[in-house]
PDB file of all heavy atoms in Angstrom:
ATOM      1  N   GLN A   1     -23.689 124.044 -20.167  1.00  0.00           N
ATOM      2  CA  GLN A   1     -24.768 123.095 -19.881  1.00  0.00           C
ATOM      3  C   GLN A   1     -24.148 121.824 -19.420  1.00  0.00           C
ATOM      4  O   GLN A   1     -23.337 121.182 -20.150  1.00  0.00           O
ATOM      5  CB  GLN A   1     -25.623 122.836 -21.148  1.00  0.00           C
ATOM      6  CG  GLN A   1     -26.751 121.841 -20.916  1.00  0.00           C
ATOM      7  CD  GLN A   1     -27.852 122.355 -19.953  1.00  0.00           C
ATOM      8  OE1 GLN A   1     -28.212 123.540 -20.064  1.00  0.00           O
ATOM      9  NE2 GLN A   1     -28.246 121.514 -19.056  1.00  0.00           N
ATOM     10  N   MET A   2     -24.516 121.372 -18.194  1.00  0.00           N
ATOM     11  CA  MET A   2     -23.912 120.195 -17.610  1.00  0.00           C
ATOM     12  C   MET A   2     -25.028 119.172 -17.366  1.00  0.00           C
ATOM     13  O   MET A   2     -25.933 119.430 -16.611  1.00  0.00           O
ATOM     14  CB  MET A   2     -23.232 120.568 -16.296  1.00  0.00           C
ATOM     15  CG  MET A   2     -22.224 121.686 -16.446  1.00  0.00           C
ATOM     16  SD  MET A   2     -21.266 121.961 -14.947  1.00  0.00           S
ATOM     17  CE  MET A   2     -22.564 122.569 -13.818  1.00  0.00           C
ATOM     18  N   ASN A   3     -24.904 118.046 -18.034  1.00  0.00           N
ATOM     19  CA  ASN A   3     -25.854 116.956 -17.896  1.00  0.00           C
ATOM     20  C   ASN A   3     -25.199 115.730 -17.327  1.00  0.00           C
ATOM     21  O   ASN A   3     -23.934 115.641 -17.309  1.00  0.00           O
ATOM     22  CB  ASN A   3     -26.476 116.623 -19.250  1.00  0.00           C
ATOM     23  CG  ASN A   3     -27.180 117.788 -19.887  1.00  0.00           C
ATOM     24  OD1 ASN A   3     -27.840 118.594 -19.191  1.00  0.00           O
ATOM     25  ND2 ASN A   3     -27.104 117.919 -21.222  1.00  0.00           N
ATOM     26  N   SER A   4     -25.987 114.786 -16.851  1.00  0.00           N
ATOM     27  CA  SER A   4     -25.480 113.530 -16.300  1.00  0.00           C
ATOM     28  C   SER A   4     -24.370 113.797 -15.285  1.00  0.00           C
ATOM     29  O   SER A   4     -23.292 113.136 -15.388  1.00  0.00           O
ATOM     30  CB  SER A   4     -25.008 112.629 -17.441  1.00  0.00           C
ATOM     31  OG  SER A   4     -26.044 112.375 -18.392  1.00  0.00           O
ATOM     32  N   LEU A   5     -24.601 114.670 -14.373  1.00  0.00           N
ATOM     33  CA  LEU A   5     -23.572 115.055 -13.414  1.00  0.00           C
ATOM     34  C   LEU A   5     -23.185 113.917 -12.519  1.00  0.00           C
ATOM     35  O   LEU A   5     -24.057 113.061 -12.127  1.00  0.00           O
ATOM     36  CB  LEU A   5     -24.063 116.272 -12.611  1.00  0.00           C
ATOM     37  CG  LEU A   5     -23.954 117.589 -13.358  1.00  0.00           C
ATOM     38  CD1 LEU A   5     -24.834 118.644 -12.736  1.00  0.00           C
ATOM     39  CD2 LEU A   5     -22.554 118.072 -13.416  1.00  0.00           C
ATOM     40  N   LYS A   6     -21.954 113.900 -12.134  1.00  0.00           N
ATOM     41  CA  LYS A   6     -21.360 112.883 -11.290  1.00  0.00           C
ATOM     42  C   LYS A   6     -20.762 113.544 -10.066  1.00  0.00           C
ATOM     43  O   LYS A   6     -20.377 114.740 -10.117  1.00  0.00           O
ATOM     44  CB  LYS A   6     -20.283 112.122 -12.019  1.00  0.00           C
ATOM     45  CG  LYS A   6     -20.689 111.509 -13.374  1.00  0.00           C
ATOM     46  CD  LYS A   6     -19.483 110.908 -14.071  1.00  0.00           C
ATOM     47  CE  LYS A   6     -19.867 110.347 -15.418  1.00  0.00           C
ATOM     48  NZ  LYS A   6     -18.704 109.743 -16.108  1.00  0.00           N
ATOM     49  N   PRO A   7     -20.671 112.744  -8.958  1.00  0.00           N
ATOM     50  CA  PRO A   7     -20.008 113.359  -7.736  1.00  0.00           C
ATOM     51  C   PRO A   7     -18.650 113.900  -8.042  1.00  0.00           C
ATOM     52  O   PRO A   7     -18.231 114.942  -7.417  1.00  0.00           O
ATOM     53  CB  PRO A   7     -19.967 112.191  -6.786  1.00  0.00           C
ATOM     54  CG  PRO A   7     -21.149 111.341  -7.175  1.00  0.00           C
ATOM     55  CD  PRO A   7     -21.211 111.466  -8.685  1.00  0.00           C
ATOM     56  N   GLU A   8     -17.911 113.324  -8.934  1.00  0.00           N
ATOM     57  CA  GLU A   8     -16.553 113.841  -9.287  1.00  0.00           C
ATOM     58  C   GLU A   8     -16.563 115.131 -10.052  1.00  0.00           C
ATOM     59  O   GLU A   8     -15.528 115.735 -10.286  1.00  0.00           O
ATOM     60  CB  GLU A   8     -15.746 112.789 -10.059  1.00  0.00           C
ATOM     61  CG  GLU A   8     -16.454 112.217 -11.242  1.00  0.00           C
ATOM     62  CD  GLU A   8     -17.138 110.894 -10.960  1.00  0.00           C
ATOM     63  OE1 GLU A   8     -17.786 110.762  -9.857  1.00  0.00           O
ATOM     64  OE2 GLU A   8     -17.013 109.954 -11.790  1.00  0.00           O
ATOM     65  N   ASP A   9     -17.710 115.612 -10.449  1.00  0.00           N
ATOM     66  CA  ASP A   9     -17.837 116.925 -11.052  1.00  0.00           C
ATOM     67  C   ASP A   9     -17.903 118.042  -9.994  1.00  0.00           C
ATOM     68  O   ASP A   9     -17.909 119.245 -10.328  1.00  0.00           O
ATOM     69  CB  ASP A   9     -19.084 117.037 -11.926  1.00  0.00           C
ATOM     70  CG  ASP A   9     -19.017 116.128 -13.145  1.00  0.00           C
ATOM     71  OD1 ASP A   9     -17.970 116.046 -13.770  1.00  0.00           O
ATOM     72  OD2 ASP A   9     -20.053 115.487 -13.463  1.00  0.00           O
ATOM     73  N   THR A  10     -17.984 117.647  -8.716  1.00  0.00           N
ATOM     74  CA  THR A  10     -18.015 118.662  -7.658  1.00  0.00           C
ATOM     75  C   THR A  10     -16.765 119.498  -7.675  1.00  0.00           C
ATOM     76  O   THR A  10     -15.636 118.922  -7.630  1.00  0.00           O
ATOM     77  CB  THR A  10     -18.153 117.982  -6.299  1.00  0.00           C
ATOM     78  OG1 THR A  10     -19.427 117.324  -6.237  1.00  0.00           O
ATOM     79  CG2 THR A  10     -18.058 118.977  -5.166  1.00  0.00           C
ATOM     80  N   ALA A  11     -16.937 120.824  -7.774  1.00  0.00           N
ATOM     81  CA  ALA A  11     -15.795 121.748  -7.858  1.00  0.00           C
ATOM     82  C   ALA A  11     -16.297 123.180  -7.888  1.00  0.00           C
ATOM     83  O   ALA A  11     -17.502 123.420  -7.965  1.00  0.00           O
ATOM     84  CB  ALA A  11     -15.001 121.466  -9.162  1.00  0.00           C
ATOM     85  N   VAL A  12     -15.387 124.099  -7.756  1.00  0.00           N
ATOM     86  CA  VAL A  12     -15.660 125.490  -8.061  1.00  0.00           C
ATOM     87  C   VAL A  12     -15.419 125.666  -9.578  1.00  0.00           C
ATOM     88  O   VAL A  12     -14.330 125.356 -10.089  1.00  0.00           O
ATOM     89  CB  VAL A  12     -14.803 126.477  -7.252  1.00  0.00           C
ATOM     90  CG1 VAL A  12     -15.127 127.901  -7.644  1.00  0.00           C
ATOM     91  CG2 VAL A  12     -15.050 126.209  -5.779  1.00  0.00           C
ATOM     92  N   TYR A  13     -16.423 126.268 -10.241  1.00  0.00           N
ATOM     93  CA  TYR A  13     -16.308 126.456 -11.685  1.00  0.00           C
ATOM     94  C   TYR A  13     -16.045 127.910 -11.986  1.00  0.00           C
ATOM     95  O   TYR A  13     -16.740 128.778 -11.457  1.00  0.00           O
ATOM     96  CB  TYR A  13     -17.612 126.000 -12.383  1.00  0.00           C
ATOM     97  CG  TYR A  13     -17.697 124.505 -12.467  1.00  0.00           C
ATOM     98  CD1 TYR A  13     -17.874 123.694 -11.319  1.00  0.00           C
ATOM     99  CD2 TYR A  13     -17.603 123.837 -13.668  1.00  0.00           C
ATOM    100  CE1 TYR A  13     -17.945 122.335 -11.386  1.00  0.00           C
ATOM    101  CE2 TYR A  13     -17.659 122.456 -13.777  1.00  0.00           C
ATOM    102  CZ  TYR A  13     -17.820 121.687 -12.613  1.00  0.00           C
ATOM    103  OH  TYR A  13     -17.883 120.335 -12.707  1.00  0.00           O
ATOM    104  N   TYR A  14     -15.076 128.130 -12.866  1.00  0.00           N
ATOM    105  CA  TYR A  14     -14.629 129.474 -13.191  1.00  0.00           C
ATOM    106  C   TYR A  14     -14.793 129.739 -14.695  1.00  0.00           C
ATOM    107  O   TYR A  14     -14.495 128.852 -15.518  1.00  0.00           O
ATOM    108  CB  TYR A  14     -13.154 129.675 -12.860  1.00  0.00           C
ATOM    109  CG  TYR A  14     -12.824 129.555 -11.392  1.00  0.00           C
ATOM    110  CD1 TYR A  14     -12.419 128.349 -10.881  1.00  0.00           C
ATOM    111  CD2 TYR A  14     -12.841 130.657 -10.561  1.00  0.00           C
ATOM    112  CE1 TYR A  14     -12.127 128.173  -9.533  1.00  0.00           C
ATOM    113  CE2 TYR A  14     -12.500 130.520  -9.205  1.00  0.00           C
ATOM    114  CZ  TYR A  14     -12.128 129.326  -8.720  1.00  0.00           C
ATOM    115  OH  TYR A  14     -11.820 129.192  -7.395  1.00  0.00           O
ATOM    116  N   CYS A  15     -15.219 130.931 -14.981  1.00  0.00           N
ATOM    117  CA  CYS A  15     -15.288 131.410 -16.353  1.00  0.00           C
ATOM    118  C   CYS A  15     -14.034 132.233 -16.612  1.00  0.00           C
ATOM    119  O   CYS A  15     -13.588 132.987 -15.696  1.00  0.00           O
ATOM    120  CB  CYS A  15     -16.542 132.230 -16.526  1.00  0.00           C
ATOM    121  SG  CYS A  15     -16.702 133.116 -18.053  1.00  0.00           S
ATOM    122  N   ALA A  16     -13.472 132.199 -17.811  1.00  0.00           N
ATOM    123  CA  ALA A  16     -12.306 132.962 -18.159  1.00  0.00           C
ATOM    124  C   ALA A  16     -12.383 133.478 -19.554  1.00  0.00           C
ATOM    125  O   ALA A  16     -13.035 132.859 -20.425  1.00  0.00           O
ATOM    126  CB  ALA A  16     -11.035 132.133 -17.939  1.00  0.00           C
ATOM    127  N   ALA A  17     -11.748 134.614 -19.834  1.00  0.00           N
ATOM    128  CA  ALA A  17     -11.730 135.246 -21.154  1.00  0.00           C
ATOM    129  C   ALA A  17     -10.322 135.517 -21.600  1.00  0.00           C
ATOM    130  O   ALA A  17      -9.477 136.045 -20.859  1.00  0.00           O
ATOM    131  CB  ALA A  17     -12.529 136.530 -21.118  1.00  0.00           C
ATOM    132  N   ASP A  18     -10.054 135.190 -22.838  1.00  0.00           N
ATOM    133  CA  ASP A  18      -8.784 135.479 -23.517  1.00  0.00           C
ATOM    134  C   ASP A  18      -9.052 136.529 -24.615  1.00  0.00           C
ATOM    135  O   ASP A  18      -9.746 136.191 -25.561  1.00  0.00           O
ATOM    136  CB  ASP A  18      -8.201 134.184 -24.091  1.00  0.00           C
ATOM    137  CG  ASP A  18      -6.991 134.444 -24.944  1.00  0.00           C
ATOM    138  OD1 ASP A  18      -6.301 135.475 -24.758  1.00  0.00           O
ATOM    139  OD2 ASP A  18      -6.673 133.577 -25.819  1.00  0.00           O
ATOM    140  N   GLU A  19      -8.526 137.737 -24.438  1.00  0.00           N
ATOM    141  CA  GLU A  19      -8.773 138.778 -25.412  1.00  0.00           C
ATOM    142  C   GLU A  19      -7.996 138.473 -26.727  1.00  0.00           C
ATOM    143  O   GLU A  19      -6.767 138.310 -26.688  1.00  0.00           O
ATOM    144  CB  GLU A  19      -8.351 140.159 -24.906  1.00  0.00           C
ATOM    145  CG  GLU A  19      -8.774 141.286 -25.823  1.00  0.00           C
ATOM    146  CD  GLU A  19      -8.549 142.656 -25.225  1.00  0.00           C
ATOM    147  OE1 GLU A  19      -8.447 142.747 -23.978  1.00  0.00           O
ATOM    148  OE2 GLU A  19      -8.519 143.644 -25.994  1.00  0.00           O
ATOM    149  N   VAL A  20      -8.718 138.335 -27.840  1.00  0.00           N
ATOM    150  CA  VAL A  20      -8.147 137.933 -29.125  1.00  0.00           C
ATOM    151  C   VAL A  20      -8.755 138.774 -30.203  1.00  0.00           C
ATOM    152  O   VAL A  20      -9.671 139.606 -29.982  1.00  0.00           O
ATOM    153  CB  VAL A  20      -8.396 136.472 -29.380  1.00  0.00           C
ATOM    154  CG1 VAL A  20      -7.784 135.582 -28.284  1.00  0.00           C
ATOM    155  CG2 VAL A  20      -9.916 136.176 -29.466  1.00  0.00           C
ATOM    156  N   SER A  21      -8.291 138.580 -31.416  1.00  0.00           N
ATOM    157  CA  SER A  21      -8.896 139.200 -32.558  1.00  0.00           C
ATOM    158  C   SER A  21     -10.365 138.718 -32.655  1.00  0.00           C
ATOM    159  O   SER A  21     -10.612 137.539 -32.460  1.00  0.00           O
ATOM    160  CB  SER A  21      -8.135 138.799 -33.834  1.00  0.00           C
ATOM    161  OG  SER A  21      -8.931 139.122 -34.970  1.00  0.00           O
ATOM    162  N   PRO A  22     -11.266 139.615 -32.926  1.00  0.00           N
ATOM    163  CA  PRO A  22     -12.700 139.208 -32.980  1.00  0.00           C
ATOM    164  C   PRO A  22     -13.003 138.098 -33.974  1.00  0.00           C
ATOM    165  O   PRO A  22     -13.994 137.371 -33.784  1.00  0.00           O
ATOM    166  CB  PRO A  22     -13.403 140.517 -33.385  1.00  0.00           C
ATOM    167  CG  PRO A  22     -12.483 141.625 -32.897  1.00  0.00           C
ATOM    168  CD  PRO A  22     -11.112 141.084 -33.122  1.00  0.00           C
ATOM    169  N   LEU A  23     -12.160 137.935 -34.993  1.00  0.00           N
ATOM    170  CA  LEU A  23     -12.407 136.937 -36.002  1.00  0.00           C
ATOM    171  C   LEU A  23     -11.541 135.673 -35.837  1.00  0.00           C
ATOM    172  O   LEU A  23     -11.495 134.818 -36.706  1.00  0.00           O
ATOM    173  CB  LEU A  23     -12.186 137.505 -37.430  1.00  0.00           C
ATOM    174  CG  LEU A  23     -13.114 138.668 -37.824  1.00  0.00           C
ATOM    175  CD1 LEU A  23     -12.799 139.165 -39.213  1.00  0.00           C
ATOM    176  CD2 LEU A  23     -14.572 138.249 -37.687  1.00  0.00           C
ATOM    177  N   ARG A  24     -10.927 135.587 -34.702  1.00  0.00           N
ATOM    178  CA  ARG A  24     -10.091 134.403 -34.442  1.00  0.00           C
ATOM    179  C   ARG A  24     -10.995 133.181 -34.194  1.00  0.00           C
ATOM    180  O   ARG A  24     -11.893 133.244 -33.353  1.00  0.00           O
ATOM    181  CB  ARG A  24      -9.208 134.628 -33.212  1.00  0.00           C
ATOM    182  CG  ARG A  24      -8.279 133.491 -32.859  1.00  0.00           C
ATOM    183  CD  ARG A  24      -7.342 133.923 -31.747  1.00  0.00           C
ATOM    184  NE  ARG A  24      -6.375 132.904 -31.374  1.00  0.00           N
ATOM    185  CZ  ARG A  24      -6.525 132.074 -30.368  1.00  0.00           C
ATOM    186  NH1 ARG A  24      -7.573 132.101 -29.627  1.00  0.00           N
ATOM    187  NH2 ARG A  24      -5.573 131.191 -30.063  1.00  0.00           N
ATOM    188  N   MET A  25     -10.719 132.125 -34.903  1.00  0.00           N
ATOM    189  CA  MET A  25     -11.531 130.950 -34.854  1.00  0.00           C
ATOM    190  C   MET A  25     -11.023 129.826 -33.971  1.00  0.00           C
ATOM    191  O   MET A  25     -11.652 128.797 -33.823  1.00  0.00           O
ATOM    192  CB  MET A  25     -11.793 130.448 -36.299  1.00  0.00           C
ATOM    193  CG  MET A  25     -12.494 131.458 -37.169  1.00  0.00           C
ATOM    194  SD  MET A  25     -12.728 130.953 -38.865  1.00  0.00           S
ATOM    195  CE  MET A  25     -13.958 129.650 -38.618  1.00  0.00           C
ATOM    196  N   ALA A  26      -9.877 130.009 -33.392  1.00  0.00           N
ATOM    197  CA  ALA A  26      -9.228 128.963 -32.584  1.00  0.00           C
ATOM    198  C   ALA A  26      -9.747 129.090 -31.141  1.00  0.00           C
ATOM    199  O   ALA A  26      -9.960 130.172 -30.664  1.00  0.00           O
ATOM    200  CB  ALA A  26      -7.732 129.008 -32.656  1.00  0.00           C
TER     201      ALA A  26
END
């Protein structure tokens, strides 16, 4: 959720996943 957007927020936005233990809290 992106609020109060600024011109400097202009970019390509990427989602990424790190496979970890399902109970990892970090």
